[in-house]
Protein backbone atom coordinates (compact mmCIF):
# COMPACT_ATOMS: atom_id res chain seq x y z
CA MET A 1 36.18 -5.51 15.62
CA TYR A 2 33.27 -3.94 13.80
CA GLU A 3 31.23 -5.71 11.14
CA LYS A 4 32.10 -5.67 7.44
CA THR A 5 28.84 -4.08 6.32
CA MET A 6 26.68 -1.24 7.57
CA ARG A 7 23.25 0.23 7.04
CA ALA A 8 23.04 3.67 5.46
CA ALA A 9 20.42 6.05 4.13
CA VAL A 10 21.48 6.60 0.53
CA CYS A 11 20.14 9.39 -1.65
CA ALA A 12 19.78 7.45 -4.88
CA ARG A 13 18.92 10.43 -7.09
CA ALA A 14 17.77 14.02 -6.92
CA GLY A 15 14.13 14.11 -5.93
CA ASP A 16 11.54 14.03 -3.16
CA PRO A 17 12.10 12.28 0.21
CA ALA A 18 11.43 8.89 -1.41
CA ALA A 19 14.82 9.27 -3.12
CA LEU A 20 16.32 8.23 0.23
CA GLU A 21 16.78 4.47 0.48
CA ILE A 22 18.10 2.25 3.27
CA ARG A 23 20.89 0.08 1.86
CA GLU A 24 23.49 -2.36 3.12
CA LEU A 25 26.94 -1.04 2.19
CA PRO A 26 30.52 -2.12 2.84
CA ILE A 27 32.06 -0.31 5.78
CA PRO A 28 34.64 2.08 4.27
CA ALA A 29 38.27 1.03 4.55
CA VAL A 30 40.46 3.32 6.62
CA ARG A 31 43.19 5.12 4.71
CA GLU A 32 45.95 7.57 5.53
CA GLY A 33 44.57 10.85 6.88
CA TRP A 34 41.05 9.46 7.31
CA SER A 35 39.47 7.76 10.33
CA LEU A 36 36.36 5.64 10.76
CA VAL A 37 33.62 6.94 13.06
CA GLN A 38 30.89 4.72 14.44
CA VAL A 39 28.00 7.16 14.09
CA LYS A 40 25.79 7.47 17.17
CA GLY A 41 23.69 10.36 15.93
CA ALA A 42 23.43 12.95 13.17
CA GLY A 43 21.58 16.25 13.11
CA LEU A 44 19.37 16.91 10.09
CA ASN A 45 19.87 20.17 8.17
CA ARG A 46 18.03 21.99 5.42
CA SER A 47 21.17 22.00 3.30
CA GLU A 48 20.76 18.21 3.07
CA LEU A 49 17.19 18.75 1.92
CA ARG A 50 18.42 20.99 -0.88
CA THR A 51 21.15 18.53 -1.82
CA ARG A 52 18.52 15.79 -2.01
CA GLN A 53 16.42 18.03 -4.26
CA GLY A 54 19.36 18.43 -6.64
CA HIS A 55 20.41 21.97 -5.77
CA SER A 56 24.05 21.15 -4.91
CA PRO A 57 25.75 21.12 -8.32
CA ASN A 58 28.96 19.41 -7.14
CA VAL A 59 27.08 16.41 -5.66
CA THR A 60 26.81 13.16 -7.60
CA PHE A 61 24.37 10.39 -6.73
CA PRO A 62 24.13 7.95 -5.10
CA ARG A 63 25.37 9.71 -1.97
CA VAL A 64 25.05 9.22 1.78
CA LEU A 65 23.95 12.65 2.97
CA GLY A 66 24.68 14.30 6.31
CA ILE A 67 26.88 17.35 6.93
CA GLU A 68 27.41 16.47 10.61
CA CYS A 69 27.59 13.55 13.03
CA VAL A 70 28.73 12.48 16.48
CA GLY A 71 30.09 9.12 17.47
CA ILE A 72 33.07 7.04 18.53
CA LEU A 73 36.34 6.51 16.67
CA ALA A 74 36.21 2.89 15.54
CA ALA A 75 39.52 2.99 13.65
CA SER A 76 41.87 5.94 13.88
CA THR A 77 44.80 7.25 11.87
CA HIS A 78 44.72 10.53 13.81
CA PRO A 79 48.05 11.12 15.58
CA THR A 80 46.47 12.25 18.88
CA LEU A 81 42.97 10.72 18.91
CA PRO A 82 42.89 7.01 19.79
CA GLU A 83 40.13 4.55 19.03
CA GLY A 84 37.21 4.96 21.44
CA THR A 85 37.41 8.77 21.50
CA THR A 86 34.06 10.57 21.35
CA VAL A 87 34.11 12.92 18.38
CA ALA A 88 31.93 15.27 16.39
CA ALA A 89 32.35 16.44 12.80
CA VAL A 90 30.69 19.10 10.69
CA MET A 91 30.91 20.43 7.13
CA GLY A 92 34.10 20.08 5.09
CA GLU A 93 32.03 18.61 2.21
CA MET A 94 30.60 15.79 4.33
CA GLY A 95 27.61 14.34 2.53
CA ARG A 96 28.57 16.17 -0.65
CA GLU A 97 32.01 15.24 -1.99
CA PHE A 98 32.15 12.15 0.24
CA ASP A 99 29.59 10.17 2.25
CA GLY A 100 28.29 11.75 5.43
CA GLY A 101 26.46 11.04 8.65
CA TYR A 102 23.28 9.20 7.56
CA ALA A 103 24.91 5.82 8.24
CA GLU A 104 26.14 3.49 10.95
CA TYR A 105 29.75 4.37 10.05
CA ALA A 106 31.38 7.35 8.34
CA LEU A 107 34.93 7.60 6.99
CA LEU A 108 36.01 11.18 7.68
CA PRO A 109 39.13 13.29 7.16
CA ASN A 110 41.12 13.65 10.36
CA ALA A 111 41.01 17.42 9.90
CA LEU A 112 37.26 17.38 10.60
CA LEU A 113 37.37 15.44 13.86
CA MET A 114 36.51 17.35 17.05
CA PRO A 115 37.09 15.42 20.29
CA VAL A 116 34.35 15.98 22.86
CA SER A 117 34.18 15.17 26.55
CA THR A 118 30.56 14.80 27.65
CA THR A 119 27.97 12.98 29.71
CA LEU A 120 25.13 13.92 27.36
CA PRO A 121 23.09 11.18 25.65
CA TRP A 122 23.88 10.67 21.99
CA ASP A 123 20.65 12.18 20.64
CA VAL A 124 21.22 15.39 22.62
CA LEU A 125 24.90 15.61 21.64
CA ALA A 126 23.94 15.07 17.99
CA ALA A 127 21.67 18.12 18.13
CA LEU A 128 24.50 20.49 19.01
CA PRO A 129 27.44 20.68 16.55
CA GLU A 130 26.16 22.32 13.36
CA THR A 131 23.37 24.21 15.09
CA TYR A 132 25.29 25.69 17.99
CA LEU A 133 28.52 26.30 16.07
CA THR A 134 26.53 28.28 13.51
CA ALA A 135 24.63 30.20 16.17
CA GLN A 136 27.79 31.00 18.14
CA GLY A 137 29.71 31.99 15.02
CA ALA A 138 26.91 34.28 13.87
CA LEU A 139 26.71 36.04 17.24
CA ASP A 140 30.50 36.43 17.18
CA ALA A 141 30.27 37.88 13.66
CA LEU A 142 27.72 40.38 14.92
CA GLY A 143 30.20 41.45 17.58
CA ILE A 144 28.00 40.42 20.52
CA VAL A 145 29.70 39.62 23.83
CA PRO A 146 28.27 38.45 27.17
CA ASP A 147 26.74 40.97 29.58
CA THR A 148 26.07 43.45 26.78
CA LYS A 149 22.94 45.57 27.23
CA ALA A 150 21.76 45.23 23.66
CA ARG A 151 18.73 44.18 21.62
CA LEU A 152 18.84 41.23 19.24
CA LEU A 153 16.22 40.31 16.66
CA ILE A 154 16.34 36.73 15.33
CA ARG A 155 14.52 36.18 12.04
CA GLY A 156 13.65 32.52 11.56
CA GLY A 157 13.49 32.03 15.30
CA THR A 158 12.05 28.50 15.35
CA SER A 159 14.77 27.08 13.11
CA SER A 160 17.29 24.99 15.00
CA VAL A 161 19.94 27.71 14.65
CA GLY A 162 17.44 30.38 15.69
CA MET A 163 16.59 28.58 18.89
CA ALA A 164 20.25 27.92 19.64
CA ALA A 165 21.02 31.61 19.11
CA ALA A 166 18.16 32.52 21.44
CA SER A 167 19.56 30.18 24.08
CA ILE A 168 23.06 31.68 23.82
CA ALA A 169 21.70 35.25 23.78
CA SER A 170 19.64 34.54 26.88
CA GLY A 171 22.76 33.27 28.61
CA TYR A 172 24.53 36.47 27.54
CA GLY A 173 21.80 38.59 29.11
CA LEU A 174 20.63 40.20 25.86
CA GLU A 175 17.11 41.45 25.26
CA THR A 176 15.80 39.29 22.44
CA ALA A 177 12.93 39.14 19.99
CA ALA A 178 12.36 36.39 17.45
CA THR A 179 10.01 35.78 14.55
CA THR A 180 7.83 32.82 13.67
CA ARG A 181 5.16 32.19 11.07
CA ARG A 182 3.31 29.71 13.28
CA HIS A 183 1.40 30.70 16.41
CA SER A 184 1.81 27.16 17.75
CA LYS A 185 5.56 27.71 18.11
CA ILE A 186 5.41 30.76 20.38
CA ASP A 187 5.73 28.76 23.62
CA ALA A 188 8.85 26.99 22.35
CA LEU A 189 10.53 30.31 21.62
CA ALA A 190 9.66 31.62 25.07
CA ALA A 191 11.13 28.46 26.60
CA ALA A 192 14.33 29.03 24.60
CA GLY A 193 14.73 32.41 26.32
CA VAL A 194 13.13 34.82 23.83
CA ASP A 195 11.65 37.90 25.49
CA CYS A 196 9.27 38.87 22.70
CA VAL A 197 7.83 36.71 19.90
CA LEU A 198 6.78 38.47 16.68
CA ALA A 199 4.50 37.04 14.00
CA ASP A 200 6.10 37.01 10.56
CA ASN A 201 3.47 37.21 7.85
CA GLY A 202 5.97 37.46 5.01
CA GLY A 203 6.06 41.25 4.75
CA SER A 204 7.96 43.99 6.55
CA LEU A 205 8.36 43.65 10.30
CA ALA A 206 8.75 47.40 10.80
CA ALA A 207 5.47 48.03 12.64
CA SER A 208 5.76 45.09 15.05
CA VAL A 209 9.48 45.62 15.74
CA HIS A 210 9.16 49.36 16.31
CA ALA A 211 6.25 48.76 18.68
CA VAL A 212 8.75 46.87 20.87
CA TRP A 213 11.90 48.84 20.11
CA PRO A 214 11.10 52.27 18.61
CA GLU A 215 14.72 52.79 17.51
CA GLY A 216 15.05 49.24 16.21
CA PRO A 217 17.30 46.40 17.40
CA ASP A 218 21.04 46.81 17.75
CA TYR A 219 21.59 43.50 15.98
CA VAL A 220 19.64 41.32 13.56
CA LEU A 221 20.49 37.67 12.98
CA ASP A 222 18.75 36.84 9.70
CA LEU A 223 18.30 33.11 9.17
CA VAL A 224 15.56 33.48 6.57
CA GLY A 225 17.95 34.84 3.97
CA ALA A 226 17.58 36.52 0.64
CA SER A 227 13.89 37.42 0.89
CA THR A 228 14.21 39.30 4.20
CA ILE A 229 17.75 40.67 4.38
CA LEU A 230 16.88 44.06 2.86
CA ASP A 231 14.05 44.51 5.33
CA SER A 232 16.43 43.56 8.15
CA LEU A 233 18.87 46.25 7.00
CA ARG A 234 16.08 48.84 7.25
CA LEU A 235 14.97 47.58 10.68
CA VAL A 236 18.26 47.73 12.56
CA CYS A 237 19.08 50.94 14.42
CA ARG A 238 21.59 53.37 12.92
CA GLY A 239 25.06 51.93 13.37
CA GLY A 240 23.63 48.46 14.01
CA THR A 241 24.71 45.21 12.42
CA VAL A 242 22.90 42.55 10.41
CA CYS A 243 24.33 39.04 10.00
CA MET A 244 23.00 36.66 7.37
CA SER A 245 23.69 33.10 8.43
CA GLY A 246 20.81 31.13 6.98
CA SER A 247 19.13 30.42 3.69
CA LEU A 248 15.59 29.35 4.47
CA SER A 249 14.54 31.51 1.50
CA GLY A 250 17.69 31.15 -0.61
CA TRP A 251 21.13 32.76 -0.90
CA VAL A 252 20.87 35.25 -3.76
CA ILE A 253 19.59 38.82 -3.42
CA PRO A 254 18.40 39.88 -6.89
CA ASP A 255 19.65 43.25 -8.19
CA PHE A 256 21.50 44.00 -4.97
CA GLU A 257 22.82 47.60 -4.88
CA PRO A 258 24.86 48.05 -1.67
CA ILE A 259 25.00 51.85 -1.60
CA ALA A 260 21.28 52.19 -2.24
CA MET A 261 20.14 49.30 -0.06
CA ILE A 262 22.42 49.43 2.99
CA PRO A 263 21.50 52.45 5.15
CA SER A 264 24.43 54.71 5.99
CA GLY A 265 26.28 53.48 9.06
CA THR A 266 24.60 50.08 9.07
CA LYS A 267 26.85 47.04 8.82
CA LEU A 268 26.13 43.81 6.94
CA THR A 269 28.11 40.66 7.66
CA ALA A 270 27.74 36.90 7.34
CA PHE A 271 28.84 33.65 8.94
CA HIS A 272 29.28 30.22 7.38
CA SER A 273 29.61 27.19 9.65
CA ASP A 274 32.49 25.80 7.56
CA ASP A 275 34.61 28.37 9.42
CA TYR A 276 34.21 26.32 12.60
CA LYS A 277 34.97 22.88 11.21
CA GLY A 278 37.63 20.71 12.82
CA SER A 279 40.09 22.27 15.25
CA ALA A 280 38.65 25.76 14.68
CA GLY A 281 35.42 24.70 16.36
CA THR A 282 36.63 22.20 18.95
CA THR A 283 36.93 24.62 21.87
CA VAL A 284 33.67 26.34 20.95
CA LEU A 285 31.77 23.04 20.77
CA GLN A 286 33.22 21.84 24.08
CA ARG A 287 32.09 25.08 25.74
CA VAL A 288 28.59 24.61 24.29
CA VAL A 289 28.46 21.04 25.57
CA HIS A 290 29.42 22.19 29.08
CA GLN A 291 26.73 24.89 28.97
CA VAL A 292 24.09 22.35 27.93
CA GLU A 293 25.20 19.98 30.68
CA ALA A 294 24.91 22.85 33.17
CA GLY A 295 21.42 23.75 31.96
CA VAL A 296 22.47 27.19 30.69
CA TYR A 297 21.81 26.30 27.03
CA ARG A 298 18.96 24.15 25.76
CA PRO A 299 19.52 21.38 23.19
CA ASN A 300 16.13 22.22 21.58
CA VAL A 301 15.56 18.71 20.20
CA ASP A 302 12.21 18.58 18.39
CA HIS A 303 12.20 14.94 17.28
CA VAL A 304 14.53 11.93 17.12
CA PHE A 305 14.14 9.59 14.14
CA GLY A 306 15.58 6.16 13.53
CA LEU A 307 17.55 5.54 10.35
CA ASP A 308 14.62 3.56 8.96
CA ASP A 309 12.48 6.68 9.32
CA ILE A 310 14.72 8.95 7.24
CA VAL A 311 12.06 9.50 4.55
CA ALA A 312 9.54 10.59 7.19
CA ALA A 313 12.22 12.80 8.77
CA HIS A 314 12.86 14.61 5.49
CA ARG A 315 9.13 15.07 4.92
CA TYR A 316 8.82 16.50 8.42
CA MET A 317 11.68 18.90 7.73
CA GLU A 318 10.43 19.87 4.27
CA ASN A 319 6.96 20.65 5.67
CA ASN A 320 8.50 23.01 8.27
CA GLN A 321 6.96 21.05 11.13
CA ALA A 322 9.99 21.22 13.43
CA THR A 323 10.54 23.69 16.25
CA GLY A 324 14.21 23.19 16.85
CA LYS A 325 16.53 20.36 15.88
CA LEU A 326 15.81 17.05 14.19
CA VAL A 327 18.16 14.15 14.89
CA VAL A 328 18.57 10.72 13.29
CA VAL A 329 20.15 7.82 15.18
CA PRO A 330 21.35 4.63 13.44
């Protein structure tokens, strides 16, 4: 039987990383429709950073953050998942409406539980769910399939999702280019399977992209967001598709005029990882895990932090120091 108390990183208030405090809390009591997961690892995400800063209006403090985790079912009410099952969970208001993955235990709705069969170590497994489900969903939204002779530009390439998308695209056999604002991160992108790395200086990428692909890419995965999406729409070749699936620069496009700003024939779509929560993402995540085990996909883990180092982890994330995924282990 597990202990009666647990350690958790609690966001006590909206604020800087120091708002995160390690506290001893009662382990949540299991109730109908919810199961208790012993957390073995949790990926860190920029959405948690924004929640900590106070930009999630539905969140009340104190709150245990964390929109994803992996671990073992310690107490189960799930009709088909017994105690001891390895599971992952993402989204579904984890770390927002109810406490999330920054803890030794998390009480989660059964609908979010994704059983996983794997030999991967916990820190590697923890790097996969939110990142790879988002990357896979975005590529699916773009309409990309394996063995397609096509060109993909990834904006925000050294984000964890960007590097996951590069890994999947490389496995698909696509020709890929990706952007970064830091010269020191070029080698990491090349290792992730990117064919061409482009420097992003905050302006239009037209000159550098057209030097590589005169007609433009067939697809653009824009993880930077509102500040770059209009430029991405102008970059893609006629009839191409742009998918916005990240918000490194925010969600809202000011004064957006679709007819004036979307070139004729160009398609704009989006993907939100909540679409792959629970059973909707189980098969996809298991396929990703198998591909990582086989060495086809890379986990792209930048740094693993202990729970006691959660303040340093958030500072690291907020300062854009990571190239790939950050993970916290209890």
